[in-house]
Amino acid sequence: MVEGDTSLPEVLTTGPTDRAREAWLQRAIANSGRNLGHVRDRLFEMAEIQRHHLVLDLNAGSGLLTWEAIRHAPEGGVWALTADETTGEALRQQAQRLPEIERPAILFGQPRRLAELLEIRGESDIRFDVIMSRNPFSQYKSFSSESKGNGSILGSLAAKLQIGGRLCLAQIIPRHGQRLYQLVDWSGTDQNLAGQVRVAEENIFDDRNDPLVNWDASDMERYFRAAGFEDLKIEVEKQIDQRQITNAHLERWFTSGQQTSGRPTYGQRLIDAGLDEKAVDAIAALYERQLRGQVVAWQSQLAYVLARR
């Protein structure tokens, strides 16, 4: 199963209300599926899974890694962790189609509860050969802040790895995500206003008090080494997705107040930066006029992490 790009972490917007429809729209864009396939293949190349291995998909989503892990480790076992019960139930229903011996174990909860969830299943002695994931630092709200210092989530994951086991992650770095102001043509507009928008948006991505954006690859390296992963390799690459800007995107960017995640909307951030509501309305009209229904090149920065215990 291929996941839509709504699974990617967002700084300026949250996931859509109708996630299934939005995921379908984005999968229809040619290279979105190719990029996901590339990420999946790269992770499995790093993981070097053998047939007898025990594998944990730390952020299972719709199963992009889970089902491939089952194929790679038919004589071992696969566990899939998801924080979303609806997603987890969908995975469970799909798993019922497999022979019982091949079915993954579906776990519901945050990574910090992994040991507890395994203990409930009577599997507290399990040590994985491979733990893998896409975007755990940003999909789980607590991950980035709790990955720092002693008693971190990364430390608890290290404890659940076999000696020589591998932790393989592909993590979008939100701090280096797509800027909306770069997607529009500002010629013919008030250049002072354009400058204000640019500064305000760059400040969103440079907010040292925001746990979603106050770290990058160098910080990740510190977190992993503090957790005891001395054998560590991090590679960063630029990724470009073709993303269709829908009415839902525009509404979320400029709806007043807070998003469903509790984060301020893009429009509210502009107001907080000193732009008045009339100016923000003009910006919303510009974005809608130029972007609604358009397919844009959406840039992001992706870090691949291979850490061995």
Protein backbone atom coordinates (compact mmCIF):
# COMPACT_ATOMS: atom_id res chain seq x y z
CA MET A 1 0.00 0.00 0.00
CA VAL A 2 1.28 3.47 -0.87
CA GLU A 3 0.79 6.27 1.58
CA GLY A 4 -0.26 9.72 0.48
CA ASP A 5 1.94 12.65 1.35
CA THR A 6 -0.50 13.75 4.02
CA SER A 7 1.59 11.51 6.25
CA LEU A 8 4.48 13.94 5.96
CA PRO A 9 5.05 16.38 8.77
CA GLU A 10 3.68 19.89 8.19
CA VAL A 11 4.79 23.15 9.75
CA LEU A 12 2.29 25.50 8.11
CA THR A 13 -0.70 23.17 7.94
CA THR A 14 -2.05 19.98 9.46
CA GLY A 15 -3.52 16.90 7.83
CA PRO A 16 -6.82 17.34 6.02
CA THR A 17 -10.19 16.52 7.53
CA ASP A 18 -10.87 13.98 4.77
CA ARG A 19 -7.53 12.22 4.90
CA ALA A 20 -8.52 9.38 2.56
CA ARG A 21 -9.65 11.74 -0.21
CA GLU A 22 -6.60 13.96 0.16
CA ALA A 23 -4.25 10.96 0.12
CA TRP A 24 -5.91 9.71 -3.06
CA LEU A 25 -5.50 13.12 -4.72
CA GLN A 26 -1.81 13.25 -3.87
CA ARG A 27 -1.16 9.65 -4.96
CA ALA A 28 -2.52 10.64 -8.35
CA ILE A 29 0.43 13.00 -8.75
CA ALA A 30 3.07 11.05 -10.69
CA ASN A 31 6.18 11.24 -8.56
CA SER A 32 4.62 11.06 -5.08
CA GLY A 33 4.42 7.28 -5.24
CA ARG A 34 7.90 7.06 -6.75
CA ASN A 35 9.39 9.10 -3.91
CA LEU A 36 7.73 6.90 -1.30
CA GLY A 37 8.96 3.82 -3.11
CA HIS A 38 12.47 5.27 -3.12
CA VAL A 39 12.33 5.94 0.63
CA ARG A 40 11.02 2.43 1.32
CA ASP A 41 13.69 0.79 -0.83
CA ARG A 42 16.46 2.89 0.72
CA LEU A 43 15.38 1.94 4.24
CA PHE A 44 15.30 -1.76 3.44
CA GLU A 45 18.70 -1.52 1.81
CA MET A 46 20.02 0.01 5.05
CA ALA A 47 18.20 -2.51 7.26
CA GLU A 48 19.66 -5.65 5.61
CA ILE A 49 16.75 -7.72 6.96
CA GLN A 50 17.25 -11.49 6.97
CA ARG A 51 14.48 -14.07 6.76
CA HIS A 52 14.59 -14.90 10.48
CA HIS A 53 14.78 -11.32 11.79
CA LEU A 54 12.39 -9.67 14.24
CA VAL A 55 11.36 -6.27 12.85
CA LEU A 56 9.49 -3.30 14.36
CA ASP A 57 7.85 -0.65 12.17
CA LEU A 58 7.85 2.24 14.63
CA ASN A 59 5.41 4.50 12.76
CA ALA A 60 3.36 2.11 10.70
CA GLY A 61 0.88 4.46 8.99
CA SER A 62 -0.89 2.53 6.23
CA GLY A 63 1.78 -0.16 6.25
CA LEU A 64 4.28 1.03 3.64
CA LEU A 65 7.12 -0.60 5.61
CA THR A 66 5.11 -3.22 7.48
CA TRP A 67 4.04 -5.28 4.48
CA GLU A 68 7.49 -5.14 2.92
CA ALA A 69 9.02 -6.28 6.23
CA ILE A 70 6.73 -9.31 6.22
CA ARG A 71 8.03 -10.20 2.78
CA HIS A 72 11.65 -9.85 3.91
CA ALA A 73 11.32 -11.76 7.21
CA PRO A 74 8.89 -14.65 6.60
CA GLU A 75 10.58 -16.86 9.21
CA GLY A 76 10.93 -14.12 11.83
CA GLY A 77 8.24 -11.69 12.95
CA VAL A 78 6.97 -8.18 12.37
CA TRP A 79 5.48 -5.70 14.84
CA ALA A 80 3.76 -2.48 13.73
CA LEU A 81 3.30 0.46 16.13
CA THR A 82 0.77 3.19 15.42
CA ALA A 83 -0.45 6.02 17.63
CA ASP A 84 -3.73 6.26 15.72
CA GLU A 85 -6.28 3.58 16.60
CA THR A 86 -8.22 4.04 13.36
CA THR A 87 -5.09 3.47 11.31
CA GLY A 88 -4.11 0.55 13.53
CA GLU A 89 -7.52 -1.08 13.13
CA ALA A 90 -7.24 -0.73 9.35
CA LEU A 91 -3.85 -2.46 9.52
CA ARG A 92 -5.30 -5.19 11.69
CA GLN A 93 -8.14 -5.83 9.23
CA GLN A 94 -5.72 -6.03 6.32
CA ALA A 95 -3.49 -8.38 8.30
CA GLN A 96 -6.39 -10.79 8.75
CA ARG A 97 -6.06 -11.67 5.06
CA LEU A 98 -2.64 -13.17 5.71
CA PRO A 99 -1.98 -16.66 7.11
CA GLU A 100 -1.85 -16.41 10.91
CA ILE A 101 1.87 -17.19 11.05
CA GLU A 102 2.65 -14.19 8.78
CA ARG A 103 0.43 -11.60 10.46
CA PRO A 104 2.16 -8.61 12.06
CA ALA A 105 1.49 -7.77 15.69
CA ILE A 106 -0.33 -4.42 15.76
CA LEU A 107 0.50 -2.16 18.70
CA PHE A 108 -1.43 1.01 19.60
CA GLY A 109 0.44 3.80 21.36
CA GLN A 110 3.35 6.23 21.46
CA PRO A 111 6.96 4.98 21.16
CA ARG A 112 7.59 5.79 24.82
CA ARG A 113 5.06 3.04 25.70
CA LEU A 114 6.76 0.36 23.58
CA ALA A 115 8.11 -1.65 26.53
CA GLU A 116 4.72 -1.47 28.26
CA LEU A 117 2.84 -2.56 25.14
CA LEU A 118 5.15 -5.52 24.62
CA GLU A 119 4.81 -6.49 28.28
CA ILE A 120 1.01 -6.55 27.95
CA ARG A 121 1.45 -9.08 25.14
CA GLY A 122 3.82 -11.16 27.27
CA GLU A 123 6.74 -10.18 25.04
CA SER A 124 8.84 -8.10 27.40
CA ASP A 125 11.94 -10.16 26.52
CA ILE A 126 11.68 -9.35 22.79
CA ARG A 127 14.76 -7.76 21.28
CA PHE A 128 14.44 -6.63 17.68
CA ASP A 129 17.00 -7.15 14.96
CA VAL A 130 15.69 -4.08 13.11
CA ILE A 131 13.60 -1.07 14.12
CA MET A 132 12.61 1.11 11.19
CA SER A 133 10.38 4.11 10.59
CA ARG A 134 9.39 7.05 8.44
CA ASN A 135 9.14 10.43 10.19
CA PRO A 136 9.01 9.37 13.85
CA PHE A 137 10.46 12.69 15.07
CA SER A 138 7.49 14.64 13.75
CA GLN A 139 4.63 12.16 13.58
CA TYR A 140 4.74 11.56 17.33
CA LYS A 141 4.34 14.88 19.13
CA SER A 142 6.60 13.87 22.00
CA PHE A 143 9.40 12.30 19.99
CA SER A 144 11.68 15.27 19.34
CA SER A 145 11.51 16.69 22.86
CA GLU A 146 11.77 13.30 24.54
CA SER A 147 14.68 12.22 22.35
CA LYS A 148 16.96 14.57 24.27
CA GLY A 149 18.86 13.71 27.40
CA ASN A 150 18.75 10.72 29.68
CA GLY A 151 15.77 8.41 29.62
CA SER A 152 15.00 9.40 26.04
CA ILE A 153 12.81 7.51 23.61
CA LEU A 154 15.91 6.76 21.56
CA GLY A 155 17.48 5.24 24.65
CA SER A 156 14.44 3.03 25.21
CA LEU A 157 14.56 1.93 21.57
CA ALA A 158 18.23 1.06 21.92
CA ALA A 159 17.29 -1.15 24.85
CA LYS A 160 14.87 -3.06 22.62
CA LEU A 161 17.50 -3.82 19.97
CA GLN A 162 19.64 -6.93 19.83
CA ILE A 163 23.35 -6.32 20.18
CA GLY A 164 24.31 -5.39 16.63
CA GLY A 165 20.69 -4.50 15.83
CA ARG A 166 19.88 -1.66 13.46
CA LEU A 167 17.69 1.41 13.84
CA CYS A 168 16.87 2.74 10.36
CA LEU A 169 14.93 5.98 9.95
CA ALA A 170 13.92 8.31 7.14
CA GLN A 171 13.04 11.65 8.68
CA ILE A 172 11.79 14.79 6.99
CA ILE A 173 13.39 17.84 8.66
CA PRO A 174 10.53 20.35 8.98
CA ARG A 175 12.92 23.23 9.63
CA HIS A 176 14.04 22.98 6.00
CA GLY A 177 10.55 22.54 4.57
CA GLN A 178 8.81 24.31 1.70
CA ARG A 179 8.16 28.03 2.15
CA LEU A 180 4.77 29.08 0.81
CA TYR A 181 5.93 32.52 -0.25
CA GLN A 182 8.32 30.86 -2.70
CA LEU A 183 5.42 29.24 -4.55
CA VAL A 184 3.82 32.49 -5.74
CA ASP A 185 4.81 35.28 -8.12
CA TRP A 186 5.04 38.53 -6.17
CA SER A 187 5.65 40.76 -9.18
CA GLY A 188 3.01 43.47 -9.47
CA THR A 189 2.32 43.36 -5.73
CA ASP A 190 3.41 45.59 -2.86
CA GLN A 191 7.08 44.62 -2.47
CA ASN A 192 7.13 45.85 1.10
CA LEU A 193 4.29 43.42 1.87
CA ALA A 194 6.14 40.65 0.05
CA GLY A 195 9.19 41.31 2.20
CA GLN A 196 7.13 41.20 5.38
CA VAL A 197 5.65 37.84 4.40
CA ARG A 198 9.09 36.42 3.62
CA VAL A 199 10.52 37.52 6.97
CA ALA A 200 7.46 36.31 8.91
CA GLU A 201 7.52 32.90 7.27
CA GLU A 202 11.25 32.40 7.73
CA ASN A 203 10.75 33.22 11.41
CA ILE A 204 8.15 30.44 11.63
CA PHE A 205 10.79 27.92 10.55
CA ASP A 206 13.43 29.47 12.83
CA ASP A 207 11.40 29.44 16.05
CA ARG A 208 13.75 27.98 18.65
CA ASN A 209 10.80 27.44 21.03
CA ASP A 210 8.87 25.27 18.56
CA PRO A 211 9.77 21.55 19.02
CA LEU A 212 8.71 20.83 15.46
CA VAL A 213 11.36 23.06 13.88
CA ASN A 214 14.03 23.69 16.52
CA TRP A 215 16.25 20.81 15.40
CA ASP A 216 17.99 19.58 12.28
CA ALA A 217 20.38 16.79 11.25
CA SER A 218 23.16 17.98 13.56
CA ASP A 219 20.77 17.88 16.51
CA MET A 220 19.61 14.41 15.51
CA GLU A 221 23.20 13.22 15.64
CA ARG A 222 23.56 14.53 19.18
CA TYR A 223 20.34 12.83 20.29
CA PHE A 224 21.41 9.47 18.88
CA ARG A 225 24.89 9.60 20.35
CA ALA A 226 23.48 10.63 23.74
CA ALA A 227 21.27 7.53 23.58
CA GLY A 228 24.30 5.31 23.14
CA PHE A 229 24.41 4.88 19.37
CA GLU A 230 28.12 5.33 18.67
CA ASP A 231 27.93 3.50 15.34
CA LEU A 232 25.92 6.12 13.48
CA LYS A 233 25.52 7.34 9.91
CA ILE A 234 23.24 10.21 8.82
CA GLU A 235 22.82 11.25 5.18
CA VAL A 236 20.69 14.19 4.11
CA GLU A 237 19.10 14.57 0.69
CA LYS A 238 16.78 17.03 -0.97
CA GLN A 239 13.38 15.69 -1.99
CA ILE A 240 10.86 17.23 -4.37
CA ASP A 241 7.25 16.04 -4.49
CA GLN A 242 4.61 17.14 -6.93
CA ARG A 243 1.79 18.37 -4.70
CA GLN A 244 -1.62 19.60 -5.76
CA ILE A 245 -2.81 22.60 -3.76
CA THR A 246 -6.47 22.02 -2.93
CA ASN A 247 -9.19 24.17 -1.41
CA ALA A 248 -8.58 22.28 1.83
CA HIS A 249 -4.95 23.47 1.94
CA LEU A 250 -5.93 27.09 1.39
CA GLU A 251 -8.67 26.95 4.00
CA ARG A 252 -6.32 25.53 6.62
CA TRP A 253 -3.60 28.06 5.89
CA PHE A 254 -5.89 31.05 6.31
CA THR A 255 -8.65 29.92 8.67
CA SER A 256 -8.64 32.15 11.73
CA GLY A 257 -7.33 30.90 15.07
CA GLN A 258 -5.84 27.50 15.76
CA GLN A 259 -5.59 24.33 13.71
CA THR A 260 -6.96 21.06 15.03
CA SER A 261 -3.41 20.29 16.22
CA GLY A 262 -3.45 23.39 18.42
CA ARG A 263 -0.80 25.12 16.28
CA PRO A 264 -1.55 28.63 14.96
CA THR A 265 -2.56 28.78 11.31
CA TYR A 266 -0.32 30.38 8.70
CA GLY A 267 -2.63 33.40 8.54
CA GLN A 268 -2.57 33.78 12.32
CA ARG A 269 1.23 33.61 12.27
CA LEU A 270 1.32 36.48 9.79
CA ILE A 271 -0.95 38.54 12.04
CA ASP A 272 1.23 37.71 15.05
CA ALA A 273 4.21 38.98 13.01
CA GLY A 274 2.56 42.40 12.69
CA LEU A 275 0.54 42.21 9.47
CA ASP A 276 -3.02 43.48 9.78
CA GLU A 277 -6.05 41.41 8.79
CA LYS A 278 -6.59 43.38 5.58
CA ALA A 279 -3.05 42.53 4.45
CA VAL A 280 -3.52 38.86 5.34
CA ASP A 281 -6.79 38.80 3.36
CA ALA A 282 -4.89 40.18 0.37
CA ILE A 283 -2.21 37.50 0.77
CA ALA A 284 -4.89 34.79 1.00
CA ALA A 285 -6.47 36.09 -2.22
CA LEU A 286 -3.09 36.07 -3.98
CA TYR A 287 -2.33 32.50 -2.90
CA GLU A 288 -5.79 31.32 -3.91
CA ARG A 289 -5.59 33.02 -7.30
CA GLN A 290 -2.20 31.57 -8.15
CA LEU A 291 -2.17 28.21 -6.35
CA ARG A 292 -5.67 26.76 -6.11
CA GLY A 293 -5.79 23.55 -8.12
CA GLN A 294 -2.18 23.89 -9.23
CA VAL A 295 0.46 21.17 -8.98
CA VAL A 296 3.60 22.62 -7.41
CA ALA A 297 7.11 21.33 -6.74
CA TRP A 298 7.12 20.91 -2.96
CA GLN A 299 10.65 20.80 -1.55
CA SER A 300 11.77 19.11 1.63
CA GLN A 301 14.93 17.81 3.24
CA LEU A 302 15.12 14.14 4.21
CA ALA A 303 17.61 12.58 6.61
CA TYR A 304 18.42 8.87 6.45
CA VAL A 305 19.68 7.50 9.75
CA LEU A 306 21.41 4.17 10.29
CA ALA A 307 22.27 3.59 13.95
CA ARG A 308 23.64 0.31 15.31
CA ARG A 309 23.60 -0.83 18.87
